[in-house]
Amino acid sequence: MKTAALARQLRRESAQIEDHPLPRLLRHGIPIVLSTDDPAMFHTTLNEEYANAARMGLREDELARIVEMGFEHAFLPAGGRRQT
């Protein structure tokens, strides 16, 4: 949202958080991981990123699944990941 990348992708002047395709991607089985990327530059926290995901329309169980995917898709050797 802060870089206006979503608006550019949607070919609009501006975009709202509710326009983000994240819920559709998740519901189609695309792995999603939330992070703060560069908190000093974008002035965000991980809590705020999850709150934004909720504003996009994600349910509590979907947010919990994103937390799980953060561990599943972490850049760790296989032995360092949580096994389910």
N, C-alpha and C. Protein backbone atom coordinates (compact mmCIF):
# COMPACT_ATOMS: atom_id res chain seq x y z
N MET A 1 0.83 -1.19 0.00
CA MET A 1 0.00 0.00 0.00
C MET A 1 0.88 1.26 0.00
N LYS A 2 1.95 1.23 0.76
CA LYS A 2 2.77 2.43 0.90
C LYS A 2 3.59 2.73 -0.34
N THR A 3 3.84 1.71 -1.16
CA THR A 3 4.61 1.94 -2.39
C THR A 3 3.71 2.17 -3.59
N ALA A 4 2.40 2.01 -3.41
CA ALA A 4 1.40 2.14 -4.48
C ALA A 4 1.53 1.04 -5.52
N ALA A 5 2.24 -0.03 -5.19
CA ALA A 5 2.40 -1.15 -6.14
C ALA A 5 1.05 -1.80 -6.46
N LEU A 6 0.18 -1.93 -5.47
CA LEU A 6 -1.12 -2.55 -5.71
C LEU A 6 -1.94 -1.71 -6.68
N ALA A 7 -1.96 -0.41 -6.48
CA ALA A 7 -2.70 0.47 -7.40
C ALA A 7 -2.15 0.34 -8.81
N ARG A 8 -0.83 0.31 -8.95
CA ARG A 8 -0.24 0.15 -10.28
C ARG A 8 -0.64 -1.17 -10.90
N GLN A 9 -0.60 -2.25 -10.11
CA GLN A 9 -0.95 -3.56 -10.63
C GLN A 9 -2.42 -3.60 -11.06
N LEU A 10 -3.28 -2.94 -10.29
CA LEU A 10 -4.70 -2.89 -10.62
C LEU A 10 -5.03 -1.83 -11.67
N ARG A 11 -3.99 -1.09 -12.09
CA ARG A 11 -4.13 0.00 -13.06
C ARG A 11 -5.16 1.04 -12.60
N ARG A 12 -4.97 1.43 -11.33
CA ARG A 12 -5.85 2.44 -10.73
C ARG A 12 -5.00 3.58 -10.20
N GLU A 13 -5.68 4.66 -9.95
CA GLU A 13 -5.02 5.82 -9.33
C GLU A 13 -4.63 5.51 -7.88
N SER A 14 -5.51 4.78 -7.19
CA SER A 14 -5.23 4.38 -5.81
C SER A 14 -5.93 3.05 -5.54
N ALA A 15 -5.58 2.43 -4.43
CA ALA A 15 -6.19 1.16 -4.04
C ALA A 15 -6.39 1.15 -2.54
N GLN A 16 -7.33 0.35 -2.11
CA GLN A 16 -7.61 0.19 -0.68
C GLN A 16 -7.09 -1.18 -0.25
N ILE A 17 -6.87 -1.35 1.04
CA ILE A 17 -6.38 -2.62 1.58
C ILE A 17 -7.33 -3.76 1.21
N GLU A 18 -8.61 -3.47 1.13
CA GLU A 18 -9.61 -4.50 0.79
C GLU A 18 -9.48 -4.97 -0.65
N ASP A 19 -8.75 -4.24 -1.50
CA ASP A 19 -8.53 -4.62 -2.89
C ASP A 19 -7.41 -5.65 -3.05
N HIS A 20 -6.66 -5.86 -1.99
CA HIS A 20 -5.48 -6.73 -2.07
C HIS A 20 -5.89 -8.17 -2.39
N PRO A 21 -5.16 -8.85 -3.26
CA PRO A 21 -5.51 -10.22 -3.65
C PRO A 21 -5.10 -11.29 -2.65
N LEU A 22 -4.50 -10.93 -1.54
CA LEU A 22 -4.01 -11.93 -0.58
C LEU A 22 -5.06 -12.96 -0.19
N PRO A 23 -6.30 -12.59 0.17
CA PRO A 23 -7.27 -13.62 0.53
C PRO A 23 -7.53 -14.63 -0.59
N ARG A 24 -7.64 -14.13 -1.83
CA ARG A 24 -7.86 -15.04 -2.96
C ARG A 24 -6.68 -15.97 -3.16
N LEU A 25 -5.49 -15.44 -3.06
CA LEU A 25 -4.29 -16.27 -3.22
C LEU A 25 -4.25 -17.37 -2.17
N LEU A 26 -4.49 -17.01 -0.92
CA LEU A 26 -4.48 -17.99 0.17
C LEU A 26 -5.53 -19.07 -0.07
N ARG A 27 -6.72 -18.65 -0.44
CA ARG A 27 -7.83 -19.59 -0.63
C ARG A 27 -7.65 -20.48 -1.86
N HIS A 28 -6.73 -20.09 -2.74
CA HIS A 28 -6.39 -20.93 -3.89
C HIS A 28 -5.17 -21.81 -3.60
N GLY A 29 -4.70 -21.80 -2.36
CA GLY A 29 -3.62 -22.69 -1.96
C GLY A 29 -2.21 -22.14 -2.13
N ILE A 30 -2.08 -20.86 -2.43
CA ILE A 30 -0.76 -20.25 -2.56
C ILE A 30 -0.22 -19.99 -1.16
N PRO A 31 1.00 -20.46 -0.85
CA PRO A 31 1.57 -20.19 0.47
C PRO A 31 1.75 -18.69 0.70
N ILE A 32 1.36 -18.23 1.87
CA ILE A 32 1.46 -16.82 2.26
C ILE A 32 2.26 -16.73 3.55
N VAL A 33 3.20 -15.81 3.59
CA VAL A 33 3.97 -15.54 4.80
C VAL A 33 3.98 -14.03 4.99
N LEU A 34 3.62 -13.57 6.16
CA LEU A 34 3.64 -12.14 6.46
C LEU A 34 4.93 -11.79 7.18
N SER A 35 5.46 -10.61 6.85
CA SER A 35 6.65 -10.12 7.53
C SER A 35 6.61 -8.59 7.50
N THR A 36 7.56 -7.99 8.16
CA THR A 36 7.60 -6.53 8.19
C THR A 36 8.53 -5.97 7.12
N ASP A 37 9.27 -6.82 6.44
CA ASP A 37 10.18 -6.43 5.36
C ASP A 37 11.21 -5.42 5.86
N ASP A 38 10.84 -4.19 5.99
CA ASP A 38 11.77 -3.14 6.45
C ASP A 38 11.00 -2.21 7.38
N PRO A 39 10.87 -2.60 8.67
CA PRO A 39 10.04 -1.81 9.59
C PRO A 39 10.50 -0.36 9.76
N ALA A 40 11.78 -0.10 9.65
CA ALA A 40 12.25 1.28 9.82
C ALA A 40 11.79 2.16 8.66
N MET A 41 11.73 1.59 7.47
CA MET A 41 11.32 2.37 6.31
C MET A 41 9.80 2.47 6.19
N PHE A 42 9.11 1.35 6.46
CA PHE A 42 7.67 1.32 6.25
C PHE A 42 6.86 1.57 7.52
N HIS A 43 7.53 1.72 8.65
CA HIS A 43 6.87 2.05 9.92
C HIS A 43 5.72 1.09 10.22
N THR A 44 6.02 -0.20 10.25
CA THR A 44 5.01 -1.21 10.53
C THR A 44 5.56 -2.24 11.50
N THR A 45 4.67 -3.00 12.06
CA THR A 45 5.04 -4.11 12.93
C THR A 45 4.35 -5.37 12.40
N LEU A 46 4.76 -6.50 12.89
CA LEU A 46 4.13 -7.74 12.47
C LEU A 46 2.66 -7.77 12.92
N ASN A 47 2.39 -7.24 14.10
CA ASN A 47 1.00 -7.15 14.55
C ASN A 47 0.15 -6.33 13.58
N GLU A 48 0.70 -5.21 13.11
CA GLU A 48 -0.02 -4.39 12.15
C GLU A 48 -0.25 -5.11 10.83
N GLU A 49 0.73 -5.92 10.40
CA GLU A 49 0.57 -6.67 9.16
C GLU A 49 -0.55 -7.70 9.29
N TYR A 50 -0.64 -8.35 10.44
CA TYR A 50 -1.75 -9.30 10.65
C TYR A 50 -3.09 -8.57 10.76
N ALA A 51 -3.09 -7.39 11.35
CA ALA A 51 -4.32 -6.60 11.41
C ALA A 51 -4.75 -6.19 9.99
N ASN A 52 -3.79 -5.85 9.15
CA ASN A 52 -4.11 -5.53 7.76
C ASN A 52 -4.68 -6.74 7.04
N ALA A 53 -4.12 -7.91 7.28
CA ALA A 53 -4.64 -9.13 6.67
C ALA A 53 -6.08 -9.37 7.10
N ALA A 54 -6.38 -9.10 8.34
CA ALA A 54 -7.76 -9.23 8.83
C ALA A 54 -8.67 -8.22 8.13
N ARG A 55 -8.17 -7.01 7.91
CA ARG A 55 -8.96 -6.00 7.20
C ARG A 55 -9.22 -6.41 5.75
N MET A 56 -8.34 -7.26 5.20
CA MET A 56 -8.54 -7.77 3.84
C MET A 56 -9.65 -8.81 3.79
N GLY A 57 -10.11 -9.26 4.97
CA GLY A 57 -11.20 -10.21 5.01
C GLY A 57 -10.81 -11.61 5.43
N LEU A 58 -9.57 -11.80 5.90
CA LEU A 58 -9.16 -13.13 6.34
C LEU A 58 -9.80 -13.46 7.68
N ARG A 59 -10.23 -14.70 7.79
CA ARG A 59 -10.83 -15.20 9.04
C ARG A 59 -9.71 -15.58 10.02
N GLU A 60 -10.09 -15.77 11.27
CA GLU A 60 -9.12 -16.12 12.31
C GLU A 60 -8.38 -17.41 11.97
N ASP A 61 -9.08 -18.43 11.46
CA ASP A 61 -8.42 -19.68 11.11
C ASP A 61 -7.44 -19.49 9.95
N GLU A 62 -7.74 -18.58 9.05
CA GLU A 62 -6.82 -18.30 7.94
C GLU A 62 -5.57 -17.57 8.44
N LEU A 63 -5.77 -16.65 9.38
CA LEU A 63 -4.61 -15.96 9.96
C LEU A 63 -3.72 -16.95 10.70
N ALA A 64 -4.33 -17.89 11.42
CA ALA A 64 -3.55 -18.91 12.12
C ALA A 64 -2.79 -19.77 11.13
N ARG A 65 -3.39 -20.07 9.99
CA ARG A 65 -2.72 -20.86 8.96
C ARG A 65 -1.51 -20.10 8.41
N ILE A 66 -1.62 -18.80 8.27
CA ILE A 66 -0.48 -18.00 7.80
C ILE A 66 0.67 -18.07 8.80
N VAL A 67 0.35 -18.05 10.09
CA VAL A 67 1.39 -18.20 11.11
C VAL A 67 2.10 -19.54 10.91
N GLU A 68 1.35 -20.60 10.73
CA GLU A 68 1.93 -21.93 10.51
C GLU A 68 2.82 -21.94 9.26
N MET A 69 2.35 -21.32 8.20
CA MET A 69 3.13 -21.28 6.96
C MET A 69 4.45 -20.53 7.14
N GLY A 70 4.47 -19.57 8.06
CA GLY A 70 5.71 -18.86 8.34
C GLY A 70 6.80 -19.82 8.81
N PHE A 71 6.41 -20.83 9.58
CA PHE A 71 7.37 -21.84 10.03
C PHE A 71 7.67 -22.84 8.92
N GLU A 72 6.63 -23.25 8.21
CA GLU A 72 6.79 -24.25 7.17
C GLU A 72 7.70 -23.77 6.04
N HIS A 73 7.65 -22.49 5.73
CA HIS A 73 8.39 -21.95 4.59
C HIS A 73 9.57 -21.09 5.00
N ALA A 74 10.00 -21.21 6.24
CA ALA A 74 11.15 -20.44 6.72
C ALA A 74 12.42 -20.93 6.02
N PHE A 75 13.36 -20.03 5.88
CA PHE A 75 14.65 -20.38 5.30
C PHE A 75 15.51 -21.06 6.35
N LEU A 76 15.09 -22.25 6.72
CA LEU A 76 15.82 -23.06 7.71
C LEU A 76 16.08 -24.42 7.11
N PRO A 77 17.13 -25.08 7.55
CA PRO A 77 17.32 -26.45 7.10
C PRO A 77 16.14 -27.30 7.57
N ALA A 78 15.85 -28.37 6.85
CA ALA A 78 14.69 -29.20 7.16
C ALA A 78 14.64 -29.61 8.64
N GLY A 79 15.77 -29.90 9.26
CA GLY A 79 15.81 -30.30 10.66
C GLY A 79 15.45 -29.18 11.61
N GLY A 80 15.51 -27.92 11.16
CA GLY A 80 15.21 -26.78 12.02
C GLY A 80 13.76 -26.36 11.98
N ARG A 81 12.98 -26.95 11.10
CA ARG A 81 11.56 -26.62 10.97
C ARG A 81 10.72 -27.48 11.88
N ARG A 82 9.60 -26.95 12.25
CA ARG A 82 8.64 -27.71 13.05
C ARG A 82 8.01 -28.76 12.15
N GLN A 83 7.98 -29.96 12.62
CA GLN A 83 7.38 -31.05 11.86
C GLN A 83 5.92 -31.19 12.26
N THR A 84 5.01 -31.32 11.28
CA THR A 84 3.59 -31.48 11.58
C THR A 84 3.15 -32.89 11.25
